[in-house]
Amino acid sequence: MKINTRIAGLLAFVAVAQLLTIPVRAQEVEPGFKSLFNGQDLTGWVGRTNHWSVQDGFITGITSLDNPAKGNNFLIARDGAKDLVVDDFELRLSYRFSSAWGNSGIQYRSAGFENCVVRGYQADMEAGPTHSGILYEEGGRGILAKRGEKVIIRDNADKPGKHKVEVVGSLGDTKEIQAGIKSGDWNDYVVIVKGNHLQHFINGRQTVDVIDEQASKAVKSGILALQIHAGQPMKIQFKNIRIKPLH
């Protein structure tokens, strides 16, 4: 009887120890949200396999001196056999850089091209002090809103076909916002898009507020993707990726 009790106690201890060593990667999905990452593999995503993988339960993008990114490339969310298309939505995820240099972003309402190249709206993030939270248009109009800005984008009457960014308000000082972004640790990123109104948030702090009124360039729907940037070696990881349609 004593032996059985000891064995049972040992088995219980081993079971608890195993549970404690299993990394908890999944987060309970909030009502209305759908998880886009299973925490195990890249099912539901497509990208260049020499740069994108799952490590320790996190989507991981890595470049190195021996394996550089030949141009910016992207991990694209899929909907079955086709790319996932988003229009009005709220996206939530967490990201972390594990390198001294790094540049990445969340592409949304974007267009896909050969070899996992994507162009369009980007919620930017970097390991540096300047660009995290801005709105950048990859392969298009460039920086559309700097961190801390409320802007309206319009056609430029003086330069047909070009755009004009009008700063109409402030969300706070860019250095103050940067102070709330953690270096080498997890940060929570939220993107809310409805109509031509685009908003980014990092760790609960709004970073940009954009109204895109340039009818010839504003995009109403497109694909969703994660970026790895050409340049110095870098490592970026993502977890808890979930999305809710806003219809």
Foldseek 3Di string as FASTA:
>chain_A
DVVVVVVVVVVVVVVVVVVVPQDDFADPDDPQKDFQFPLPWLVQKDADPVAWIHDSSWIKGWAAPVRFDPFKFWIFGPDVPGGDKAFFKKKKWKKFWQDQWFKKWKAWLWAADPRRDIWAWTQIDILDQWAHRFIATGPPQGTQGGWFFEWEKEADPVDGPHIDIDTDDGQDDSNVQSVPDDHRDMKMWMWGDDDQWTWIDINRRTTYTYRYPHVVRRGRMDTIIMMGGGDHIIMMIMGHIMMGGDD
